[in-house]
Every structure is written in C-alpha cells, then in structure tokens.
C-alpha cells in the first residue's frame, strides 16, 4: 500500500534565500504538518496499529 505517491515539497527554492526568516517558511511548514496530520496520519496510524495487533496475535499463539 502506498500512502504518498507524489512529491510534496514543503518549501520553494525562494524560501531558502535572504528572506528565509520572515516567517513565511515557518507558516508553510506548519500548514503542511496540519494537513498531514488530518489527511495522512490517521491512515498511517491505522496501518501501524493493525501491524502491532497482528504481531500480538502471532505471539499469543
């Protein structure tokens, strides 16, 4: 199962130039983290929990 197929670059090359500390880069990173937490983390969490449950079931038998 692929959770993330396309490149999702958080920052643009201009974000690394002289104005890197103006707060815009931080806002982009925070927005990306918020979006990731809502859109992708729940599925990743489900996969991890399912793997742990299968492992626990395997060890119990």
PDB file of N, CA and C in Angstrom:
ATOM      1  N   UNK A   1       0.843  -1.177   0.000  1.00  0.00           N
ATOM      2  CA  UNK A   1       0.000   0.000   0.000  1.00  0.00           C
ATOM      3  C   UNK A   1       0.887   1.238   0.000  1.00  0.00           C
ATOM      4  N   UNK A   2       0.623   2.128  -0.909  1.00  0.00           N
ATOM      5  CA  UNK A   2       1.368   3.378  -0.981  1.00  0.00           C
ATOM      6  C   UNK A   2       0.505   4.482  -0.401  1.00  0.00           C
ATOM      7  N   UNK A   3       1.043   5.158   0.587  1.00  0.00           N
ATOM      8  CA  UNK A   3       0.284   6.242   1.212  1.00  0.00           C
ATOM      9  C   UNK A   3       0.565   7.591   0.569  1.00  0.00           C
ATOM     10  N   UNK A   4       1.740   7.707  -0.014  1.00  0.00           N
ATOM     11  CA  UNK A   4       2.144   9.014  -0.507  1.00  0.00           C
ATOM     12  C   UNK A   4       2.899   8.818  -1.811  1.00  0.00           C
ATOM     13  N   UNK A   5       2.296   9.178  -2.934  1.00  0.00           N
ATOM     14  CA  UNK A   5       2.888   8.897  -4.229  1.00  0.00           C
ATOM     15  C   UNK A   5       3.566  10.095  -4.875  1.00  0.00           C
ATOM     16  N   UNK A   6       3.001  11.251  -4.779  1.00  0.00           N
ATOM     17  CA  UNK A   6       3.557  12.389  -5.491  1.00  0.00           C
ATOM     18  C   UNK A   6       4.471  13.199  -4.587  1.00  0.00           C
ATOM     19  N   UNK A   7       5.471  13.841  -5.178  1.00  0.00           N
ATOM     20  CA  UNK A   7       6.353  14.661  -4.340  1.00  0.00           C
ATOM     21  C   UNK A   7       5.567  15.828  -3.751  1.00  0.00           C
ATOM     22  N   UNK A   8       5.788  16.079  -2.511  1.00  0.00           N
ATOM     23  CA  UNK A   8       5.084  17.153  -1.817  1.00  0.00           C
ATOM     24  C   UNK A   8       6.136  18.035  -1.164  1.00  0.00           C
ATOM     25  N   UNK A   9       6.680  18.924  -1.955  1.00  0.00           N
ATOM     26  CA  UNK A   9       7.734  19.786  -1.444  1.00  0.00           C
ATOM     27  C   UNK A   9       7.112  20.885  -0.598  1.00  0.00           C
ATOM     28  N   UNK A  10       7.577  21.001   0.603  1.00  0.00           N
ATOM     29  CA  UNK A  10       7.014  21.979   1.525  1.00  0.00           C
ATOM     30  C   UNK A  10       7.475  23.382   1.156  1.00  0.00           C
ATOM     31  N   UNK A  11       8.751  23.526   0.924  1.00  0.00           N
ATOM     32  CA  UNK A  11       9.323  24.839   0.657  1.00  0.00           C
ATOM     33  C   UNK A  11       9.762  24.965  -0.795  1.00  0.00           C
ATOM     34  N   UNK A  12       9.742  26.179  -1.271  1.00  0.00           N
ATOM     35  CA  UNK A  12      10.220  26.516  -2.615  1.00  0.00           C
ATOM     36  C   UNK A  12      11.663  27.005  -2.505  1.00  0.00           C
ATOM     37  N   UNK A  13      12.412  26.977  -3.597  1.00  0.00           N
ATOM     38  CA  UNK A  13      13.796  27.471  -3.548  1.00  0.00           C
ATOM     39  C   UNK A  13      13.909  28.891  -2.991  1.00  0.00           C
ATOM     40  N   UNK A  14      12.916  29.736  -3.280  1.00  0.00           N
ATOM     41  CA  UNK A  14      12.954  31.111  -2.758  1.00  0.00           C
ATOM     42  C   UNK A  14      12.878  31.162  -1.235  1.00  0.00           C
ATOM     43  N   UNK A  15      12.327  30.133  -0.626  1.00  0.00           N
ATOM     44  CA  UNK A  15      12.224  30.108   0.835  1.00  0.00           C
ATOM     45  C   UNK A  15      13.589  29.969   1.505  1.00  0.00           C
ATOM     46  N   UNK A  16      14.593  29.599   0.732  1.00  0.00           N
ATOM     47  CA  UNK A  16      15.946  29.441   1.282  1.00  0.00           C
ATOM     48  C   UNK A  16      16.821  30.655   1.010  1.00  0.00           C
ATOM     49  N   UNK A  17      16.266  31.688   0.414  1.00  0.00           N
ATOM     50  CA  UNK A  17      17.056  32.868   0.065  1.00  0.00           C
ATOM     51  C   UNK A  17      17.120  33.841   1.237  1.00  0.00           C
ATOM     52  N   UNK A  18      17.469  35.067   0.964  1.00  0.00           N
ATOM     53  CA  UNK A  18      17.712  36.049   2.022  1.00  0.00           C
ATOM     54  C   UNK A  18      16.542  36.247   2.980  1.00  0.00           C
ATOM     55  N   UNK A  19      15.336  36.142   2.508  1.00  0.00           N
ATOM     56  CA  UNK A  19      14.184  36.370   3.381  1.00  0.00           C
ATOM     57  C   UNK A  19      13.676  35.126   4.074  1.00  0.00           C
ATOM     58  N   UNK A  20      14.528  34.130   4.222  1.00  0.00           N
ATOM     59  CA  UNK A  20      14.098  32.838   4.775  1.00  0.00           C
ATOM     60  C   UNK A  20      13.499  32.961   6.167  1.00  0.00           C
ATOM     61  N   UNK A  21      13.892  33.982   6.914  1.00  0.00           N
ATOM     62  CA  UNK A  21      13.433  34.092   8.305  1.00  0.00           C
ATOM     63  C   UNK A  21      12.260  35.053   8.481  1.00  0.00           C
ATOM     64  N   UNK A  22      11.546  35.368   7.402  1.00  0.00           N
ATOM     65  CA  UNK A  22      10.441  36.324   7.512  1.00  0.00           C
ATOM     66  C   UNK A  22       9.156  35.713   8.071  1.00  0.00           C
ATOM     67  N   UNK A  23       9.177  34.432   8.332  1.00  0.00           N
ATOM     68  CA  UNK A  23       8.008  33.772   8.897  1.00  0.00           C
ATOM     69  C   UNK A  23       7.193  33.001   7.875  1.00  0.00           C
ATOM     70  N   UNK A  24       7.361  33.293   6.599  1.00  0.00           N
ATOM     71  CA  UNK A  24       6.583  32.610   5.564  1.00  0.00           C
ATOM     72  C   UNK A  24       6.936  31.128   5.495  1.00  0.00           C
ATOM     73  N   UNK A  25       8.229  30.818   5.605  1.00  0.00           N
ATOM     74  CA  UNK A  25       8.650  29.407   5.556  1.00  0.00           C
ATOM     75  C   UNK A  25       8.060  28.644   6.739  1.00  0.00           C
ATOM     76  N   UNK A  26       8.078  29.264   7.898  1.00  0.00           N
ATOM     77  CA  UNK A  26       7.504  28.612   9.081  1.00  0.00           C
ATOM     78  C   UNK A  26       6.018  28.344   8.879  1.00  0.00           C
ATOM     79  N   UNK A  27       5.306  29.311   8.325  1.00  0.00           N
ATOM     80  CA  UNK A  27       3.870  29.138   8.075  1.00  0.00           C
ATOM     81  C   UNK A  27       3.614  28.003   7.090  1.00  0.00           C
ATOM     82  N   UNK A  28       4.452  27.886   6.056  1.00  0.00           N
ATOM     83  CA  UNK A  28       4.295  26.799   5.084  1.00  0.00           C
ATOM     84  C   UNK A  28       4.508  25.449   5.753  1.00  0.00           C
ATOM     85  N   UNK A  29       5.530  25.360   6.591  1.00  0.00           N
ATOM     86  CA  UNK A  29       5.820  24.097   7.279  1.00  0.00           C
ATOM     87  C   UNK A  29       4.684  23.736   8.229  1.00  0.00           C
ATOM     88  N   UNK A  30       4.199  24.710   8.989  1.00  0.00           N
ATOM     89  CA  UNK A  30       3.099  24.447   9.915  1.00  0.00           C
ATOM     90  C   UNK A  30       1.838  24.021   9.164  1.00  0.00           C
ATOM     91  N   UNK A  31       1.559  24.656   8.036  1.00  0.00           N
ATOM     92  CA  UNK A  31       0.381  24.294   7.244  1.00  0.00           C
ATOM     93  C   UNK A  31       0.523  22.873   6.703  1.00  0.00           C
ATOM     94  N   UNK A  32       1.740  22.511   6.262  1.00  0.00           N
ATOM     95  CA  UNK A  32       1.970  21.159   5.748  1.00  0.00           C
ATOM     96  C   UNK A  32       1.767  20.126   6.852  1.00  0.00           C
ATOM     97  N   UNK A  33       2.278  20.411   8.040  1.00  0.00           N
ATOM     98  CA  UNK A  33       2.129  19.487   9.173  1.00  0.00           C
ATOM     99  C   UNK A  33       0.655  19.334   9.539  1.00  0.00           C
ATOM    100  N   UNK A  34      -0.071  20.438   9.587  1.00  0.00           N
ATOM    101  CA  UNK A  34      -1.508  20.374   9.897  1.00  0.00           C
ATOM    102  C   UNK A  34      -2.256  19.527   8.868  1.00  0.00           C
ATOM    103  N   UNK A  35      -1.962  19.740   7.595  1.00  0.00           N
ATOM    104  CA  UNK A  35      -2.619  18.979   6.526  1.00  0.00           C
ATOM    105  C   UNK A  35      -2.260  17.499   6.622  1.00  0.00           C
ATOM    106  N   UNK A  36      -0.990  17.206   6.874  1.00  0.00           N
ATOM    107  CA  UNK A  36      -0.540  15.822   7.011  1.00  0.00           C
ATOM    108  C   UNK A  36      -1.257  15.146   8.174  1.00  0.00           C
ATOM    109  N   UNK A  37      -1.364  15.852   9.291  1.00  0.00           N
ATOM    110  CA  UNK A  37      -1.998  15.275  10.482  1.00  0.00           C
ATOM    111  C   UNK A  37      -3.454  14.913  10.221  1.00  0.00           C
ATOM    112  N   UNK A  38      -4.131  15.695   9.420  1.00  0.00           N
ATOM    113  CA  UNK A  38      -5.544  15.452   9.138  1.00  0.00           C
ATOM    114  C   UNK A  38      -5.739  14.431   8.017  1.00  0.00           C
ATOM    115  N   UNK A  39      -4.948  14.550   6.951  1.00  0.00           N
ATOM    116  CA  UNK A  39      -5.206  13.760   5.746  1.00  0.00           C
ATOM    117  C   UNK A  39      -4.457  12.436   5.680  1.00  0.00           C
ATOM    118  N   UNK A  40      -3.259  12.355   6.248  1.00  0.00           N
ATOM    119  CA  UNK A  40      -2.465  11.152   6.053  1.00  0.00           C
ATOM    120  C   UNK A  40      -2.137  10.399   7.329  1.00  0.00           C
ATOM    121  N   UNK A  41      -1.966  11.078   8.430  1.00  0.00           N
ATOM    122  CA  UNK A  41      -1.563  10.386   9.649  1.00  0.00           C
ATOM    123  C   UNK A  41      -2.583   9.357  10.127  1.00  0.00           C
ATOM    124  N   UNK A  42      -3.888   9.632  10.057  1.00  0.00           N
ATOM    125  CA  UNK A  42      -4.837   8.609  10.528  1.00  0.00           C
ATOM    126  C   UNK A  42      -4.664   7.268   9.807  1.00  0.00           C
ATOM    127  N   UNK A  43      -4.435   7.294   8.507  1.00  0.00           N
ATOM    128  CA  UNK A  43      -4.241   6.048   7.764  1.00  0.00           C
ATOM    129  C   UNK A  43      -2.933   5.374   8.167  1.00  0.00           C
ATOM    130  N   UNK A  44      -1.877   6.149   8.333  1.00  0.00           N
ATOM    131  CA  UNK A  44      -0.605   5.580   8.788  1.00  0.00           C
ATOM    132  C   UNK A  44      -0.775   4.961  10.168  1.00  0.00           C
ATOM    133  N   UNK A  45      -1.471   5.642  11.041  1.00  0.00           N
ATOM    134  CA  UNK A  45      -1.705   5.132  12.389  1.00  0.00           C
ATOM    135  C   UNK A  45      -2.481   3.819  12.342  1.00  0.00           C
ATOM    136  N   UNK A  46      -3.505   3.746  11.484  1.00  0.00           N
ATOM    137  CA  UNK A  46      -4.289   2.525  11.351  1.00  0.00           C
ATOM    138  C   UNK A  46      -3.414   1.357  10.894  1.00  0.00           C
ATOM    139  N   UNK A  47      -2.549   1.604   9.930  1.00  0.00           N
ATOM    140  CA  UNK A  47      -1.666   0.554   9.422  1.00  0.00           C
ATOM    141  C   UNK A  47      -0.722   0.070  10.514  1.00  0.00           C
ATOM    142  N   UNK A  48      -0.144   1.000  11.263  1.00  0.00           N
ATOM    143  CA  UNK A  48       0.774   0.634  12.349  1.00  0.00           C
ATOM    144  C   UNK A  48       0.046  -0.179  13.412  1.00  0.00           C
ATOM    145  N   UNK A  49      -1.127   0.277  13.819  1.00  0.00           N
ATOM    146  CA  UNK A  49      -1.901  -0.432  14.844  1.00  0.00           C
ATOM    147  C   UNK A  49      -2.278  -1.829  14.362  1.00  0.00           C
ATOM    148  N   UNK A  50      -2.689  -1.945  13.100  1.00  0.00           N
ATOM    149  CA  UNK A  50      -3.023  -3.269  12.555  1.00  0.00           C
ATOM    150  C   UNK A  50      -1.814  -4.195  12.570  1.00  0.00           C
ATOM    151  N   UNK A  51      -0.655  -3.683  12.218  1.00  0.00           N
ATOM    152  CA  UNK A  51       0.573  -4.497  12.249  1.00  0.00           C
ATOM    153  C   UNK A  51       0.881  -4.958  13.668  1.00  0.00           C
ATOM    154  N   UNK A  52       0.749  -4.066  14.618  1.00  0.00           N
ATOM    155  CA  UNK A  52       1.017  -4.431  16.011  1.00  0.00           C
ATOM    156  C   UNK A  52       0.017  -5.470  16.506  1.00  0.00           C
ATOM    157  N   UNK A  53      -1.239  -5.330  16.113  1.00  0.00           N
ATOM    158  CA  UNK A  53      -2.244  -6.321  16.509  1.00  0.00           C
ATOM    159  C   UNK A  53      -1.930  -7.689  15.915  1.00  0.00           C
ATOM    160  N   UNK A  54      -1.555  -7.719  14.636  1.00  0.00           N
ATOM    161  CA  UNK A  54      -1.201  -8.995  14.008  1.00  0.00           C
ATOM    162  C   UNK A  54       0.010  -9.611  14.692  1.00  0.00           C
ATOM    163  N   UNK A  55       0.979  -8.786  15.034  1.00  0.00           N
ATOM    164  CA  UNK A  55       2.168  -9.280  15.731  1.00  0.00           C
ATOM    165  C   UNK A  55       1.782  -9.844  17.098  1.00  0.00           C
ATOM    166  N   UNK A  56       0.936  -9.131  17.816  1.00  0.00           N
ATOM    167  CA  UNK A  56       0.492  -9.590  19.129  1.00  0.00           C
ATOM    168  C   UNK A  56      -0.268 -10.910  19.002  1.00  0.00           C
ATOM    169  N   UNK A  57      -1.127 -11.009  17.999  1.00  0.00           N
ATOM    170  CA  UNK A  57      -1.876 -12.254  17.782  1.00  0.00           C
ATOM    171  C   UNK A  57      -0.937 -13.406  17.441  1.00  0.00           C
ATOM    172  N   UNK A  58       0.097 -13.138  16.676  1.00  0.00           N
ATOM    173  CA  UNK A  58       1.065 -14.168  16.307  1.00  0.00           C
ATOM    174  C   UNK A  58       1.838 -14.650  17.525  1.00  0.00           C
ATOM    175  N   UNK A  59       2.205 -13.731  18.394  1.00  0.00           N
ATOM    176  CA  UNK A  59       2.964 -14.091  19.600  1.00  0.00           C
ATOM    177  C   UNK A  59       2.096 -14.836  20.610  1.00  0.00           C
ATOM    178  N   UNK A  60       0.801 -14.574  20.598  1.00  0.00           N
ATOM    179  CA  UNK A  60      -0.101 -15.199  21.568  1.00  0.00           C
ATOM    180  C   UNK A  60      -0.392 -16.658  21.227  1.00  0.00           C
ATOM    181  N   UNK A  61      -0.186 -17.026  19.981  1.00  0.00           N
ATOM    182  CA  UNK A  61      -0.494 -18.415  19.594  1.00  0.00           C
ATOM    183  C   UNK A  61       0.707 -19.310  19.712  1.00  0.00           C
TER     184      UNK A  61
END
